[in-house]
C-alpha atoms as a PDB file:
ATOM      1  CA  MET A   1     123.471 -91.325 114.463  1.00  0.00           C
ATOM      2  CA  SER A   2     122.459 -94.117 116.854  1.00  0.00           C
ATOM      3  CA  ALA A   3     124.693 -97.091 117.651  1.00  0.00           C
ATOM      4  CA  ARG A   4     122.283 -99.290 115.724  1.00  0.00           C
ATOM      5  CA  ASP A   5     122.488 -97.119 112.630  1.00  0.00           C
ATOM      6  CA  THR A   6     126.285 -97.080 112.870  1.00  0.00           C
ATOM      7  CA  ILE A   7     126.483-100.870 112.979  1.00  0.00           C
ATOM      8  CA  LEU A   8     124.089-101.248 110.053  1.00  0.00           C
ATOM      9  CA  ARG A   9     126.020 -98.679 107.992  1.00  0.00           C
ATOM     10  CA  ARG A  10     129.273-100.531 108.563  1.00  0.00           C
ATOM     11  CA  LEU A  11     127.675-103.791 107.480  1.00  0.00           C
ATOM     12  CA  ARG A  12     126.315-102.183 104.291  1.00  0.00           C
ATOM     13  CA  GLU A  13     129.646-100.595 103.447  1.00  0.00           C
ATOM     14  CA  ARG A  14     131.761-103.746 103.764  1.00  0.00           C
ATOM     15  CA  THR A  15     134.434-103.779 101.070  1.00  0.00           C
ATOM     16  CA  ASP A  16     135.317-107.485 101.234  1.00  0.00           C
ATOM     17  CA  GLY A  17     131.927-108.854 100.197  1.00  0.00           C
ATOM     18  CA  PRO A  18     129.027-110.324 102.145  1.00  0.00           C
ATOM     19  CA  LEU A  19     129.541-112.369 105.278  1.00  0.00           C
ATOM     20  CA  SER A  20     129.351-116.137 104.817  1.00  0.00           C
ATOM     21  CA  ALA A  21     128.705-118.885 107.340  1.00  0.00           C
ATOM     22  CA  PRO A  22     131.817-120.755 108.461  1.00  0.00           C
ATOM     23  CA  GLU A  23     132.310-124.372 107.500  1.00  0.00           C
ATOM     24  CA  SER A  24     130.744-126.637 110.106  1.00  0.00           C
ATOM     25  CA  ASP A  25     131.711-130.189 111.040  1.00  0.00           C
ATOM     26  CA  PHE A  26     128.593-132.066 112.166  1.00  0.00           C
ATOM     27  CA  ALA A  27     130.386-135.368 112.774  1.00  0.00           C
ATOM     28  CA  VAL A  28     129.978-134.959 116.532  1.00  0.00           C
ATOM     29  CA  VAL A  29     126.169-135.143 116.273  1.00  0.00           C
ATOM     30  CA  THR A  30     125.783-137.938 113.719  1.00  0.00           C
ATOM     31  CA  HIS A  31     127.422-141.082 112.272  1.00  0.00           C
ATOM     32  CA  ARG A  32     126.958-143.278 115.344  1.00  0.00           C
ATOM     33  CA  GLY A  33     126.858-146.398 113.216  1.00  0.00           C
ATOM     34  CA  TRP A  34     124.532-148.325 115.534  1.00  0.00           C
ATOM     35  CA  SER A  35     122.681-151.405 114.316  1.00  0.00           C
ATOM     36  CA  ALA A  36     118.893-151.631 114.520  1.00  0.00           C
ATOM     37  CA  GLU A  37     119.238-153.791 117.626  1.00  0.00           C
ATOM     38  CA  GLU A  38     121.565-151.278 119.285  1.00  0.00           C
ATOM     39  CA  ARG A  39     119.218-148.390 118.487  1.00  0.00           C
ATOM     40  CA  LEU A  40     116.278-150.225 120.033  1.00  0.00           C
ATOM     41  CA  GLU A  41     118.263-151.198 123.136  1.00  0.00           C
ATOM     42  CA  ARG A  42     119.503-147.658 123.694  1.00  0.00           C
ATOM     43  CA  PHE A  43     116.078-146.121 123.160  1.00  0.00           C
ATOM     44  CA  GLU A  44     114.412-148.523 125.594  1.00  0.00           C
ATOM     45  CA  ARG A  45     117.115-148.191 128.240  1.00  0.00           C
ATOM     46  CA  LEU A  46     116.960-144.406 128.232  1.00  0.00           C
ATOM     47  CA  ILE A  47     113.212-143.919 128.116  1.00  0.00           C
ATOM     48  CA  THR A  48     112.607-146.467 130.885  1.00  0.00           C
ATOM     49  CA  SER A  49     115.244-144.774 133.021  1.00  0.00           C
ATOM     50  CA  VAL A  50     112.863-141.807 133.381  1.00  0.00           C
ATOM     51  CA  HIS A  51     109.751-143.872 134.173  1.00  0.00           C
ATOM     52  CA  GLY A  52     108.618-144.547 130.618  1.00  0.00           C
ATOM     53  CA  GLU A  53     107.272-148.050 129.931  1.00  0.00           C
ATOM     54  CA  VAL A  54     107.970-150.096 126.812  1.00  0.00           C
ATOM     55  CA  LEU A  55     105.890-153.026 125.583  1.00  0.00           C
ATOM     56  CA  HIS A  56     107.059-155.089 122.612  1.00  0.00           C
ATOM     57  CA  VAL A  57     104.286-156.167 120.250  1.00  0.00           C
ATOM     58  CA  THR A  58     103.915-157.188 116.625  1.00  0.00           C
ATOM     59  CA  ARG A  59     102.057-155.313 113.936  1.00  0.00           C
ATOM     60  CA  ASP A  60      99.475-158.111 113.985  1.00  0.00           C
ATOM     61  CA  ASP A  61      98.744-158.266 117.714  1.00  0.00           C
ATOM     62  CA  TRP A  62      99.355-154.718 118.927  1.00  0.00           C
ATOM     63  CA  THR A  63      95.665-153.891 119.321  1.00  0.00           C
ATOM     64  CA  GLN A  64      95.186-156.896 121.622  1.00  0.00           C
ATOM     65  CA  ALA A  65      98.101-155.639 123.697  1.00  0.00           C
ATOM     66  CA  LEU A  66      96.508-152.182 123.724  1.00  0.00           C
ATOM     67  CA  ALA A  67      93.183-153.561 124.974  1.00  0.00           C
ATOM     68  CA  GLN A  68      94.957-155.465 127.756  1.00  0.00           C
ATOM     69  CA  LEU A  69      96.985-152.397 128.708  1.00  0.00           C
ATOM     70  CA  LEU A  70      93.873-150.228 128.968  1.00  0.00           C
ATOM     71  CA  SER A  71      92.218-152.875 131.136  1.00  0.00           C
ATOM     72  CA  ASP A  72      95.267-153.174 133.389  1.00  0.00           C
ATOM     73  CA  LYS A  73      95.486-149.399 133.787  1.00  0.00           C
ATOM     74  CA  GLY A  74      91.772-149.013 134.507  1.00  0.00           C
ATOM     75  CA  VAL A  75      91.159-146.762 131.500  1.00  0.00           C
ATOM     76  CA  ASN A  76      87.479-146.023 130.928  1.00  0.00           C
ATOM     77  CA  ARG A  77      87.720-143.162 128.423  1.00  0.00           C
ATOM     78  CA  LEU A  78      90.364-143.121 125.664  1.00  0.00           C
ATOM     79  CA  ALA A  79      90.899-140.092 123.435  1.00  0.00           C
ATOM     80  CA  LEU A  80      92.187-140.760 119.925  1.00  0.00           C
ATOM     81  CA  GLY A  81      92.048-139.612 116.319  1.00  0.00           C
ATOM     82  CA  ARG A  82      90.254-141.149 113.360  1.00  0.00           C
ATOM     83  CA  GLU A  83      92.280-140.835 110.172  1.00  0.00           C
ATOM     84  CA  HIS A  84      95.725-142.171 111.055  1.00  0.00           C
ATOM     85  CA  PRO A  85      96.013-145.967 110.605  1.00  0.00           C
ATOM     86  CA  VAL A  86      96.973-146.369 114.270  1.00  0.00           C
ATOM     87  CA  ALA A  87      93.769-144.656 115.399  1.00  0.00           C
ATOM     88  CA  ALA A  88      91.635-146.448 112.805  1.00  0.00           C
ATOM     89  CA  GLU A  89      92.968-149.881 113.835  1.00  0.00           C
ATOM     90  CA  ALA A  90      92.505-149.098 117.510  1.00  0.00           C
ATOM     91  CA  ARG A  91      88.923-147.949 116.977  1.00  0.00           C
ATOM     92  CA  ALA A  92      88.060-151.144 115.103  1.00  0.00           C
ATOM     93  CA  ALA A  93      89.661-153.350 117.747  1.00  0.00           C
ATOM     94  CA  LEU A  94      88.057-151.537 120.687  1.00  0.00           C
ATOM     95  CA  ALA A  95      84.584-151.172 119.194  1.00  0.00           C
ATOM     96  CA  ASP A  96      83.151-153.836 121.522  1.00  0.00           C
ATOM     97  CA  ALA A  97      85.454-153.202 124.474  1.00  0.00           C
ATOM     98  CA  GLU A  98      84.368-151.600 127.724  1.00  0.00           C
ATOM     99  CA  VAL A  99      86.236-148.409 126.873  1.00  0.00           C
ATOM    100  CA  GLU A 100      84.554-145.231 125.711  1.00  0.00           C
ATOM    101  CA  LEU A 101      86.304-143.793 122.662  1.00  0.00           C
ATOM    102  CA  VAL A 102      86.523-140.012 122.837  1.00  0.00           C
ATOM    103  CA  ASP A 103      86.636-137.996 119.619  1.00  0.00           C
ATOM    104  CA  VAL A 104      89.262-135.244 119.567  1.00  0.00           C
ATOM    105  CA  ASP A 105      88.322-133.589 116.270  1.00  0.00           C
ATOM    106  CA  ARG A 106      86.274-130.924 118.046  1.00  0.00           C
ATOM    107  CA  ALA A 107      86.826-127.249 118.756  1.00  0.00           C
ATOM    108  CA  ILE A 108      88.849-126.930 121.935  1.00  0.00           C
ATOM    109  CA  GLU A 109      86.278-124.568 123.456  1.00  0.00           C
ATOM    110  CA  SER A 110      83.530-127.203 123.235  1.00  0.00           C
ATOM    111  CA  TRP A 111      85.223-129.797 125.411  1.00  0.00           C
ATOM    112  CA  GLN A 112      88.085-128.133 127.261  1.00  0.00           C
ATOM    113  CA  ARG A 113      86.933-129.170 130.734  1.00  0.00           C
ATOM    114  CA  GLU A 114      86.020-132.650 129.523  1.00  0.00           C
ATOM    115  CA  GLN A 115      89.502-133.384 128.213  1.00  0.00           C
ATOM    116  CA  PHE A 116      91.141-132.235 131.439  1.00  0.00           C
ATOM    117  CA  ASP A 117      88.670-133.830 133.854  1.00  0.00           C
ATOM    118  CA  ARG A 118      87.204-136.930 132.221  1.00  0.00           C
ATOM    119  CA  VAL A 119      89.730-138.403 129.767  1.00  0.00           C
ATOM    120  CA  ASP A 120      91.848-141.194 131.236  1.00  0.00           C
ATOM    121  CA  ALA A 121      94.301-141.716 128.379  1.00  0.00           C
ATOM    122  CA  GLY A 122      95.350-140.466 124.960  1.00  0.00           C
ATOM    123  CA  LEU A 123      96.539-142.691 122.101  1.00  0.00           C
ATOM    124  CA  THR A 124      98.868-141.332 119.410  1.00  0.00           C
ATOM    125  CA  SER A 125     101.028-142.487 116.580  1.00  0.00           C
ATOM    126  CA  VAL A 126     104.597-141.199 116.451  1.00  0.00           C
ATOM    127  CA  ARG A 127     106.808-140.387 113.478  1.00  0.00           C
ATOM    128  CA  GLY A 128     109.845-142.079 114.992  1.00  0.00           C
ATOM    129  CA  ALA A 129     112.293-142.147 117.879  1.00  0.00           C
ATOM    130  CA  ILE A 130     115.839-141.124 118.755  1.00  0.00           C
ATOM    131  CA  ALA A 131     118.160-143.765 120.202  1.00  0.00           C
ATOM    132  CA  GLU A 132     120.742-141.356 121.598  1.00  0.00           C
ATOM    133  CA  THR A 133     118.293-139.567 123.908  1.00  0.00           C
ATOM    134  CA  GLY A 134     115.477-142.088 124.314  1.00  0.00           C
ATOM    135  CA  SER A 135     112.972-139.694 122.741  1.00  0.00           C
ATOM    136  CA  LEU A 136     109.848-139.971 120.624  1.00  0.00           C
ATOM    137  CA  TRP A 137     109.141-137.365 117.984  1.00  0.00           C
ATOM    138  CA  LEU A 138     105.654-136.391 116.889  1.00  0.00           C
ATOM    139  CA  TRP A 139     104.230-134.029 114.319  1.00  0.00           C
ATOM    140  CA  PRO A 140     100.735-133.169 115.597  1.00  0.00           C
ATOM    141  CA  THR A 141      97.927-132.900 113.059  1.00  0.00           C
ATOM    142  CA  PRO A 142      94.266-131.854 113.263  1.00  0.00           C
ATOM    143  CA  ASP A 143      93.476-135.579 113.559  1.00  0.00           C
ATOM    144  CA  GLU A 144      96.003-136.031 116.399  1.00  0.00           C
ATOM    145  CA  PRO A 145      96.403-132.604 118.037  1.00  0.00           C
ATOM    146  CA  ARG A 146      99.269-131.971 120.425  1.00  0.00           C
ATOM    147  CA  ARG A 147      96.988-131.951 123.472  1.00  0.00           C
ATOM    148  CA  LEU A 148      96.297-135.646 122.850  1.00  0.00           C
ATOM    149  CA  SER A 149      99.792-136.444 124.135  1.00  0.00           C
ATOM    150  CA  LEU A 150     100.099-133.588 126.639  1.00  0.00           C
ATOM    151  CA  VAL A 151      96.826-133.522 128.620  1.00  0.00           C
ATOM    152  CA  PRO A 152      95.561-137.018 129.604  1.00  0.00           C
ATOM    153  CA  PRO A 153      97.211-138.639 132.646  1.00  0.00           C
ATOM    154  CA  LEU A 154      98.274-141.618 130.502  1.00  0.00           C
ATOM    155  CA  HIS A 155      99.865-141.274 127.056  1.00  0.00           C
ATOM    156  CA  VAL A 156     100.015-144.428 124.938  1.00  0.00           C
ATOM    157  CA  ALA A 157     102.339-144.021 121.946  1.00  0.00           C
ATOM    158  CA  VAL A 158     102.654-146.510 119.093  1.00  0.00           C
ATOM    159  CA  LEU A 159     106.167-146.722 117.636  1.00  0.00           C
ATOM    160  CA  ASP A 160     107.385-148.881 114.767  1.00  0.00           C
ATOM    161  CA  ALA A 161     110.767-150.361 115.687  1.00  0.00           C
ATOM    162  CA  ASP A 162     112.236-149.616 112.268  1.00  0.00           C
ATOM    163  CA  THR A 163     111.669-145.864 112.648  1.00  0.00           C
ATOM    164  CA  ILE A 164     114.226-145.433 115.448  1.00  0.00           C
ATOM    165  CA  GLU A 165     117.188-143.352 114.285  1.00  0.00           C
ATOM    166  CA  ASP A 166     120.548-142.697 115.906  1.00  0.00           C
ATOM    167  CA  THR A 167     120.503-138.986 116.751  1.00  0.00           C
ATOM    168  CA  PHE A 168     118.314-135.905 116.602  1.00  0.00           C
ATOM    169  CA  PHE A 169     120.530-134.565 113.804  1.00  0.00           C
ATOM    170  CA  ASP A 170     119.834-137.715 111.771  1.00  0.00           C
ATOM    171  CA  VAL A 171     116.086-137.178 112.179  1.00  0.00           C
ATOM    172  CA  VAL A 172     116.301-133.530 111.104  1.00  0.00           C
ATOM    173  CA  GLU A 173     118.395-134.400 108.043  1.00  0.00           C
ATOM    174  CA  ALA A 174     116.541-137.531 106.950  1.00  0.00           C
ATOM    175  CA  HIS A 175     113.093-135.942 107.208  1.00  0.00           C
ATOM    176  CA  ASP A 176     113.999-132.471 105.897  1.00  0.00           C
ATOM    177  CA  TRP A 177     112.837-130.530 108.926  1.00  0.00           C
ATOM    178  CA  ALA A 178     114.399-127.394 107.469  1.00  0.00           C
ATOM    179  CA  GLY A 179     112.142-127.625 104.427  1.00  0.00           C
ATOM    180  CA  GLY A 180     108.904-128.702 106.072  1.00  0.00           C
ATOM    181  CA  MET A 181     108.956-128.567 109.842  1.00  0.00           C
ATOM    182  CA  PRO A 182     105.512-128.097 111.420  1.00  0.00           C
ATOM    183  CA  THR A 183     104.839-125.447 114.018  1.00  0.00           C
ATOM    184  CA  ASN A 184     104.230-128.039 116.729  1.00  0.00           C
ATOM    185  CA  ALA A 185     106.923-130.705 116.487  1.00  0.00           C
ATOM    186  CA  LEU A 186     107.115-132.548 119.820  1.00  0.00           C
ATOM    187  CA  LEU A 187     110.006-134.413 121.437  1.00  0.00           C
ATOM    188  CA  ILE A 188     108.888-136.668 124.302  1.00  0.00           C
ATOM    189  CA  SER A 189     111.396-138.336 126.602  1.00  0.00           C
ATOM    190  CA  GLY A 190     109.234-139.928 129.280  1.00  0.00           C
ATOM    191  CA  PRO A 191     106.196-138.783 131.284  1.00  0.00           C
ATOM    192  CA  SER A 192     105.826-135.184 132.392  1.00  0.00           C
ATOM    193  CA  LYS A 193     108.252-134.278 135.168  1.00  0.00           C
ATOM    194  CA  THR A 194     109.435-131.227 137.046  1.00  0.00           C
ATOM    195  CA  ALA A 195     111.636-130.425 140.036  1.00  0.00           C
ATOM    196  CA  ASP A 196     111.230-127.812 142.751  1.00  0.00           C
ATOM    197  CA  ILE A 197     113.959-125.641 144.227  1.00  0.00           C
ATOM    198  CA  GLU A 198     115.068-128.552 146.415  1.00  0.00           C
ATOM    199  CA  GLN A 199     115.455-130.718 143.286  1.00  0.00           C
ATOM    200  CA  THR A 200     112.697-133.113 144.299  1.00  0.00           C
ATOM    201  CA  LEU A 201     111.517-134.716 141.049  1.00  0.00           C
ATOM    202  CA  ALA A 202     107.751-135.044 140.592  1.00  0.00           C
ATOM    203  CA  TYR A 203     105.907-136.723 137.734  1.00  0.00           C
ATOM    204  CA  GLY A 204     102.628-135.684 136.130  1.00  0.00           C
ATOM    205  CA  VAL A 205     102.490-132.117 137.415  1.00  0.00           C
ATOM    206  CA  HIS A 206     102.127-130.463 133.997  1.00  0.00           C
ATOM    207  CA  GLY A 207     101.089-133.409 131.823  1.00  0.00           C
ATOM    208  CA  PRO A 208     100.862-137.209 131.684  1.00  0.00           C
ATOM    209  CA  ARG A 209     101.934-139.128 134.782  1.00  0.00           C
ATOM    210  CA  GLU A 210     102.551-142.211 132.670  1.00  0.00           C
ATOM    211  CA  LEU A 211     103.960-142.886 129.209  1.00  0.00           C
ATOM    212  CA  VAL A 212     103.640-146.329 127.642  1.00  0.00           C
ATOM    213  CA  VAL A 213     105.304-147.001 124.289  1.00  0.00           C
ATOM    214  CA  LEU A 214     104.019-149.923 122.239  1.00  0.00           C
ATOM    215  CA  VAL A 215     107.000-150.849 120.050  1.00  0.00           C
ATOM    216  CA  ARG A 216     105.694-152.684 116.997  1.00  0.00           C
ATOM    217  CA  HIS A 217     107.868-155.314 115.330  1.00  0.00           C
ATOM    218  CA  PRO A 218     107.191-157.182 112.086  1.00  0.00           C
ATOM    219  CA  LYS A 219     105.575-160.570 112.617  1.00  0.00           C
ATOM    220  CA  GLY A 220     108.198-163.156 113.462  1.00  0.00           C
ATOM    221  CA  ALA A 221     110.870-160.578 114.339  1.00  0.00           C
END
């Protein structure tokens, strides 16, 4: 009998019942008790510390801020979805702008080189953010595939201020990741970065060189 078979036999022949998971205390990863203002401050401080940019806008003027950002960054071709309200509002606002809007709802094989060589920026919505780590979290969809935030040299993410939560654990619990997590959940904490053996940090080697987060606030906030 192999060692594997011996271990399995012992497990099957247990006389004191099935094994059960020990009680776990998750207090260390939740219950921060931060206010909305504290969550926003922590998120912004952490994501800007790793070269992310944050622009504060309102839900009424965010598309004007987007148009100005694209102009300032010299963006000529912007990739974005169609169905999500963020993409739909951006398309309407940029219809007459000097920016070519690139459709992403195509088979990857038909425009693989185009997206790597000719797209200047990608625009995405986000599901929320994490104050403790300064991270965005995204659930890619066919309308906003994961490459939209991972391939273009500039990633523009639109975040509603009231969707920032304290910790990663709070996000997982509040949004039932265990019951419905997608296969491509993304956590983004700044632009792409890597370090060589000498610990020299470089940005944009394997993805976007720049990340700009448009934080949307209610009008008058």
